[in-house]
Amino acid sequence: MLLLSLIIIMSLFIFIGMLLGYLFNTEEMSMLSSVSIATLLLLTSGIVFPIESMPKYIIEKIKYNPVVSGSELFRKAILFTSDFDSVKESFGILLITMLLVLVLIYIVKKLDKLNLKRERIDKKLLEKKFLFGERNAKTLPEFVVSIQNMEQKRFQRLLDEDSFKNWTQYILKNGKIAKKIAK
């Protein structure tokens, strides 16, 4: 029972860490959110402050805290060498929490894949749209050469369609220059 409880507790917190890592783009935000969540879970677990001194509305919900369930499960397994019937509530809470976190990880990963596909499609459409010369201009010098070699009628049409401003904004990713071109 002790080994099983350790595996469940460690797996749950590893999955929570994975979820936070997938949710945030930067390492700093992941660390900040994990420290914040760990602090919240620790403060409401009864390890720092006694549960009896907390408000009633927190006491009712505190049994769903994974730290409380995990410490109770671990304590019963190590001190009392309990059987499964005495720890099944804590065990169930941890398993349900782990399944919820796994489902959230799956959803976040699927949404991330959809966003990557959408970005690839958008980038391909943008590259086709901004074909100014014989090839796509991906840098500012290529853009300048493309404009210099362009016929006057085509230049005017692209200028009327705001293609140069849009290229600067979406391909070059420079909003300041795009605003100047628009003026």
C-alpha atoms as a PDB file:
ATOM      1  CA  MET A   1       0.000   0.000   0.000  1.00  0.00           C
ATOM      2  CA  LEU A   2       2.889   2.360   0.790  1.00  0.00           C
ATOM      3  CA  LEU A   3       4.495   1.901  -2.625  1.00  0.00           C
ATOM      4  CA  LEU A   4       1.174   2.322  -4.411  1.00  0.00           C
ATOM      5  CA  SER A   5       0.380   5.506  -2.481  1.00  0.00           C
ATOM      6  CA  LEU A   6       3.814   6.974  -3.291  1.00  0.00           C
ATOM      7  CA  ILE A   7       3.407   6.207  -6.989  1.00  0.00           C
ATOM      8  CA  ILE A   8      -0.062   7.817  -7.092  1.00  0.00           C
ATOM      9  CA  ILE A   9       1.025  10.935  -5.173  1.00  0.00           C
ATOM     10  CA  MET A  10       4.179  11.465  -7.245  1.00  0.00           C
ATOM     11  CA  SER A  11       2.365  10.850 -10.523  1.00  0.00           C
ATOM     12  CA  LEU A  12      -0.347  13.357  -9.663  1.00  0.00           C
ATOM     13  CA  PHE A  13       2.093  16.152  -8.919  1.00  0.00           C
ATOM     14  CA  ILE A  14       4.212  15.312 -11.954  1.00  0.00           C
ATOM     15  CA  PHE A  15       1.089  15.572 -14.127  1.00  0.00           C
ATOM     16  CA  ILE A  16       0.157  18.900 -12.511  1.00  0.00           C
ATOM     17  CA  GLY A  17       3.664  20.160 -13.343  1.00  0.00           C
ATOM     18  CA  MET A  18       3.293  18.929 -16.933  1.00  0.00           C
ATOM     19  CA  LEU A  19      -0.044  20.723 -17.255  1.00  0.00           C
ATOM     20  CA  LEU A  20       1.462  23.980 -16.032  1.00  0.00           C
ATOM     21  CA  GLY A  21       4.391  23.545 -18.411  1.00  0.00           C
ATOM     22  CA  TYR A  22       2.038  23.062 -21.356  1.00  0.00           C
ATOM     23  CA  LEU A  23      -0.210  25.971 -20.369  1.00  0.00           C
ATOM     24  CA  PHE A  24       2.474  28.643 -20.190  1.00  0.00           C
ATOM     25  CA  ASN A  25       4.898  29.637 -22.934  1.00  0.00           C
ATOM     26  CA  THR A  26       7.824  30.691 -20.799  1.00  0.00           C
ATOM     27  CA  GLU A  27       9.773  28.950 -18.080  1.00  0.00           C
ATOM     28  CA  GLU A  28       9.332  31.943 -15.781  1.00  0.00           C
ATOM     29  CA  MET A  29       5.532  31.825 -16.007  1.00  0.00           C
ATOM     30  CA  SER A  30       5.528  28.063 -15.459  1.00  0.00           C
ATOM     31  CA  MET A  31       7.692  28.426 -12.362  1.00  0.00           C
ATOM     32  CA  LEU A  32       5.633  31.320 -11.013  1.00  0.00           C
ATOM     33  CA  SER A  33       2.360  29.447 -11.465  1.00  0.00           C
ATOM     34  CA  SER A  34       3.735  26.233  -9.968  1.00  0.00           C
ATOM     35  CA  VAL A  35       5.053  28.073  -6.903  1.00  0.00           C
ATOM     36  CA  SER A  36       1.721  29.880  -6.517  1.00  0.00           C
ATOM     37  CA  ILE A  37      -0.321  26.689  -6.779  1.00  0.00           C
ATOM     38  CA  ALA A  38       2.052  24.800  -4.472  1.00  0.00           C
ATOM     39  CA  THR A  39       1.795  27.581  -1.897  1.00  0.00           C
ATOM     40  CA  LEU A  40      -1.992  27.592  -2.093  1.00  0.00           C
ATOM     41  CA  LEU A  41      -2.168  23.798  -1.742  1.00  0.00           C
ATOM     42  CA  LEU A  42       0.326  23.808   1.128  1.00  0.00           C
ATOM     43  CA  LEU A  43      -1.402  26.603   3.058  1.00  0.00           C
ATOM     44  CA  THR A  44      -4.784  24.867   2.791  1.00  0.00           C
ATOM     45  CA  SER A  45      -3.444  21.420   3.629  1.00  0.00           C
ATOM     46  CA  GLY A  46      -3.208  21.642   7.397  1.00  0.00           C
ATOM     47  CA  ILE A  47       0.573  21.246   7.363  1.00  0.00           C
ATOM     48  CA  VAL A  48       1.284  24.944   7.991  1.00  0.00           C
ATOM     49  CA  PHE A  49      -1.973  26.046   9.642  1.00  0.00           C
ATOM     50  CA  PRO A  50      -4.254  23.654  11.526  1.00  0.00           C
ATOM     51  CA  ILE A  51      -7.384  22.770   9.585  1.00  0.00           C
ATOM     52  CA  GLU A  52      -9.537  23.448  12.645  1.00  0.00           C
ATOM     53  CA  SER A  53      -8.515  27.133  12.643  1.00  0.00           C
ATOM     54  CA  MET A  54      -9.669  27.659   9.054  1.00  0.00           C
ATOM     55  CA  PRO A  55     -13.103  29.021   8.094  1.00  0.00           C
ATOM     56  CA  LYS A  56     -15.945  26.500   7.734  1.00  0.00           C
ATOM     57  CA  TYR A  57     -16.333  26.977   3.962  1.00  0.00           C
ATOM     58  CA  ILE A  58     -12.670  25.997   3.481  1.00  0.00           C
ATOM     59  CA  ILE A  59     -12.842  23.031   5.861  1.00  0.00           C
ATOM     60  CA  GLU A  60     -15.689  21.498   3.825  1.00  0.00           C
ATOM     61  CA  LYS A  61     -13.665  21.604   0.599  1.00  0.00           C
ATOM     62  CA  ILE A  62     -10.228  20.896   2.037  1.00  0.00           C
ATOM     63  CA  LYS A  63     -10.555  17.118   1.733  1.00  0.00           C
ATOM     64  CA  TYR A  64     -10.364  17.526  -2.064  1.00  0.00           C
ATOM     65  CA  ASN A  65      -6.930  19.149  -1.796  1.00  0.00           C
ATOM     66  CA  PRO A  66      -4.441  16.635  -3.259  1.00  0.00           C
ATOM     67  CA  VAL A  67      -1.891  17.463  -0.551  1.00  0.00           C
ATOM     68  CA  VAL A  68      -4.428  16.625   2.183  1.00  0.00           C
ATOM     69  CA  SER A  69      -5.521  13.414   0.465  1.00  0.00           C
ATOM     70  CA  GLY A  70      -1.928  12.441  -0.286  1.00  0.00           C
ATOM     71  CA  SER A  71      -0.646  13.082   3.211  1.00  0.00           C
ATOM     72  CA  GLU A  72      -3.610  11.202   4.711  1.00  0.00           C
ATOM     73  CA  LEU A  73      -3.044   8.274   2.375  1.00  0.00           C
ATOM     74  CA  PHE A  74       0.683   8.236   3.068  1.00  0.00           C
ATOM     75  CA  ARG A  75       0.189   8.587   6.832  1.00  0.00           C
ATOM     76  CA  LYS A  76      -2.287   5.710   6.978  1.00  0.00           C
ATOM     77  CA  ALA A  77      -0.106   3.526   4.773  1.00  0.00           C
ATOM     78  CA  ILE A  78       3.111   4.109   6.708  1.00  0.00           C
ATOM     79  CA  LEU A  79       1.881   4.395  10.299  1.00  0.00           C
ATOM     80  CA  PHE A  80      -1.112   2.119  10.417  1.00  0.00           C
ATOM     81  CA  THR A  81      -0.219  -0.275   7.569  1.00  0.00           C
ATOM     82  CA  SER A  82      -3.843   0.067   6.533  1.00  0.00           C
ATOM     83  CA  ASP A  83      -5.674  -2.068   4.049  1.00  0.00           C
ATOM     84  CA  PHE A  84      -7.371  -0.708   0.953  1.00  0.00           C
ATOM     85  CA  ASP A  85     -10.795  -0.221   2.593  1.00  0.00           C
ATOM     86  CA  SER A  86      -9.490   2.345   5.080  1.00  0.00           C
ATOM     87  CA  VAL A  87      -7.764   4.480   2.428  1.00  0.00           C
ATOM     88  CA  LYS A  88     -10.140   4.125  -0.499  1.00  0.00           C
ATOM     89  CA  GLU A  89     -11.629   7.639  -0.090  1.00  0.00           C
ATOM     90  CA  SER A  90      -8.240   9.387  -0.235  1.00  0.00           C
ATOM     91  CA  PHE A  91      -7.133   7.011  -2.955  1.00  0.00           C
ATOM     92  CA  GLY A  92     -10.261   7.764  -4.994  1.00  0.00           C
ATOM     93  CA  ILE A  93      -9.852  11.526  -4.622  1.00  0.00           C
ATOM     94  CA  LEU A  94      -6.253  11.311  -5.835  1.00  0.00           C
ATOM     95  CA  LEU A  95      -7.149   9.058  -8.773  1.00  0.00           C
ATOM     96  CA  ILE A  96     -10.046  11.290  -9.869  1.00  0.00           C
ATOM     97  CA  THR A  97      -7.819  14.372  -9.592  1.00  0.00           C
ATOM     98  CA  MET A  98      -5.121  12.608 -11.604  1.00  0.00           C
ATOM     99  CA  LEU A  99      -7.626  11.658 -14.310  1.00  0.00           C
ATOM    100  CA  LEU A 100      -8.915  15.250 -14.485  1.00  0.00           C
ATOM    101  CA  VAL A 101      -5.369  16.571 -14.843  1.00  0.00           C
ATOM    102  CA  LEU A 102      -4.628  13.985 -17.561  1.00  0.00           C
ATOM    103  CA  VAL A 103      -7.772  15.019 -19.455  1.00  0.00           C
ATOM    104  CA  LEU A 104      -6.733  18.674 -19.177  1.00  0.00           C
ATOM    105  CA  ILE A 105      -3.253  17.812 -20.470  1.00  0.00           C
ATOM    106  CA  TYR A 106      -4.811  15.988 -23.424  1.00  0.00           C
ATOM    107  CA  ILE A 107      -7.090  18.945 -24.216  1.00  0.00           C
ATOM    108  CA  VAL A 108      -4.240  21.471 -23.968  1.00  0.00           C
ATOM    109  CA  LYS A 109      -2.026  19.360 -26.251  1.00  0.00           C
ATOM    110  CA  LYS A 110      -4.827  18.999 -28.839  1.00  0.00           C
ATOM    111  CA  LEU A 111      -5.504  22.739 -28.804  1.00  0.00           C
ATOM    112  CA  ASP A 112      -1.783  23.394 -29.176  1.00  0.00           C
ATOM    113  CA  LYS A 113      -1.623  21.121 -32.232  1.00  0.00           C
ATOM    114  CA  LEU A 114      -4.644  22.882 -33.762  1.00  0.00           C
ATOM    115  CA  ASN A 115      -3.008  26.271 -33.202  1.00  0.00           C
ATOM    116  CA  LEU A 116       0.236  25.070 -34.816  1.00  0.00           C
ATOM    117  CA  LYS A 117      -1.672  23.800 -37.866  1.00  0.00           C
ATOM    118  CA  ARG A 118      -3.593  27.076 -38.087  1.00  0.00           C
ATOM    119  CA  GLU A 119      -0.354  29.077 -37.874  1.00  0.00           C
ATOM    120  CA  ARG A 120       1.230  26.978 -40.635  1.00  0.00           C
ATOM    121  CA  ILE A 121      -1.819  27.427 -42.878  1.00  0.00           C
ATOM    122  CA  ASP A 122      -1.936  31.180 -42.171  1.00  0.00           C
ATOM    123  CA  LYS A 123       1.781  31.517 -42.896  1.00  0.00           C
ATOM    124  CA  LYS A 124       1.433  29.668 -46.223  1.00  0.00           C
ATOM    125  CA  LEU A 125      -1.506  31.863 -47.228  1.00  0.00           C
ATOM    126  CA  LEU A 126       0.395  34.985 -46.275  1.00  0.00           C
ATOM    127  CA  GLU A 127       3.462  33.897 -48.244  1.00  0.00           C
ATOM    128  CA  LYS A 128       1.324  33.326 -51.363  1.00  0.00           C
ATOM    129  CA  LYS A 129      -0.431  36.644 -50.871  1.00  0.00           C
ATOM    130  CA  PHE A 130       2.827  38.556 -50.605  1.00  0.00           C
ATOM    131  CA  LEU A 131       4.496  37.258 -53.749  1.00  0.00           C
ATOM    132  CA  PHE A 132       5.819  40.559 -55.066  1.00  0.00           C
ATOM    133  CA  GLY A 133       8.401  39.392 -57.536  1.00  0.00           C
ATOM    134  CA  GLU A 134       9.716  36.088 -58.793  1.00  0.00           C
ATOM    135  CA  ARG A 135       9.938  34.783 -55.237  1.00  0.00           C
ATOM    136  CA  ASN A 136       8.570  35.600 -51.794  1.00  0.00           C
ATOM    137  CA  ALA A 137      10.232  38.468 -50.015  1.00  0.00           C
ATOM    138  CA  LYS A 138      11.079  37.255 -46.508  1.00  0.00           C
ATOM    139  CA  THR A 139      13.526  39.968 -45.500  1.00  0.00           C
ATOM    140  CA  LEU A 140      13.573  43.729 -45.914  1.00  0.00           C
ATOM    141  CA  PRO A 141      16.346  43.735 -48.576  1.00  0.00           C
ATOM    142  CA  GLU A 142      14.415  41.141 -50.642  1.00  0.00           C
ATOM    143  CA  PHE A 143      11.312  43.302 -50.278  1.00  0.00           C
ATOM    144  CA  VAL A 144      13.154  46.396 -51.533  1.00  0.00           C
ATOM    145  CA  VAL A 145      14.578  44.503 -54.540  1.00  0.00           C
ATOM    146  CA  SER A 146      11.103  43.142 -55.359  1.00  0.00           C
ATOM    147  CA  ILE A 147       9.613  46.640 -55.331  1.00  0.00           C
ATOM    148  CA  GLN A 148      12.441  48.078 -57.459  1.00  0.00           C
ATOM    149  CA  ASN A 149      11.907  45.432 -60.156  1.00  0.00           C
ATOM    150  CA  MET A 150       8.107  45.802 -60.198  1.00  0.00           C
ATOM    151  CA  GLU A 151       6.036  47.447 -62.952  1.00  0.00           C
ATOM    152  CA  GLN A 152       4.381  50.758 -62.066  1.00  0.00           C
ATOM    153  CA  LYS A 153       0.793  49.447 -62.553  1.00  0.00           C
ATOM    154  CA  ARG A 154       1.357  46.448 -60.296  1.00  0.00           C
ATOM    155  CA  PHE A 155       3.082  48.646 -57.720  1.00  0.00           C
ATOM    156  CA  GLN A 156       0.098  51.002 -57.631  1.00  0.00           C
ATOM    157  CA  ARG A 157      -2.408  48.113 -57.363  1.00  0.00           C
ATOM    158  CA  LEU A 158      -0.498  46.564 -54.456  1.00  0.00           C
ATOM    159  CA  LEU A 159      -0.235  49.963 -52.816  1.00  0.00           C
ATOM    160  CA  ASP A 160      -4.000  50.449 -53.101  1.00  0.00           C
ATOM    161  CA  GLU A 161      -4.595  47.006 -51.525  1.00  0.00           C
ATOM    162  CA  ASP A 162      -2.320  47.846 -48.563  1.00  0.00           C
ATOM    163  CA  SER A 163      -0.162  44.833 -49.451  1.00  0.00           C
ATOM    164  CA  PHE A 164       3.064  46.558 -48.488  1.00  0.00           C
ATOM    165  CA  LYS A 165       1.724  47.573 -45.088  1.00  0.00           C
ATOM    166  CA  ASN A 166       0.352  44.071 -44.470  1.00  0.00           C
ATOM    167  CA  TRP A 167       3.628  42.436 -45.537  1.00  0.00           C
ATOM    168  CA  THR A 168       5.557  44.642 -43.119  1.00  0.00           C
ATOM    169  CA  GLN A 169       3.131  43.873 -40.325  1.00  0.00           C
ATOM    170  CA  TYR A 170       2.696  40.103 -40.803  1.00  0.00           C
ATOM    171  CA  ILE A 171       5.939  38.903 -42.417  1.00  0.00           C
ATOM    172  CA  LEU A 172       8.458  41.407 -41.083  1.00  0.00           C
ATOM    173  CA  LYS A 173       6.457  41.701 -37.829  1.00  0.00           C
ATOM    174  CA  ASN A 174       7.155  45.385 -37.479  1.00  0.00           C
ATOM    175  CA  GLY A 175       4.055  47.395 -36.631  1.00  0.00           C
ATOM    176  CA  LYS A 176       5.870  50.745 -36.506  1.00  0.00           C
ATOM    177  CA  ILE A 177       7.050  50.527 -40.102  1.00  0.00           C
ATOM    178  CA  ALA A 178       3.626  49.224 -41.162  1.00  0.00           C
ATOM    179  CA  LYS A 179       1.962  52.338 -39.684  1.00  0.00           C
ATOM    180  CA  LYS A 180       4.431  54.590 -41.492  1.00  0.00           C
ATOM    181  CA  ILE A 181       3.764  52.811 -44.776  1.00  0.00           C
ATOM    182  CA  ALA A 182       0.007  53.167 -44.252  1.00  0.00           C
ATOM    183  CA  LYS A 183       0.387  56.927 -43.885  1.00  0.00           C
END
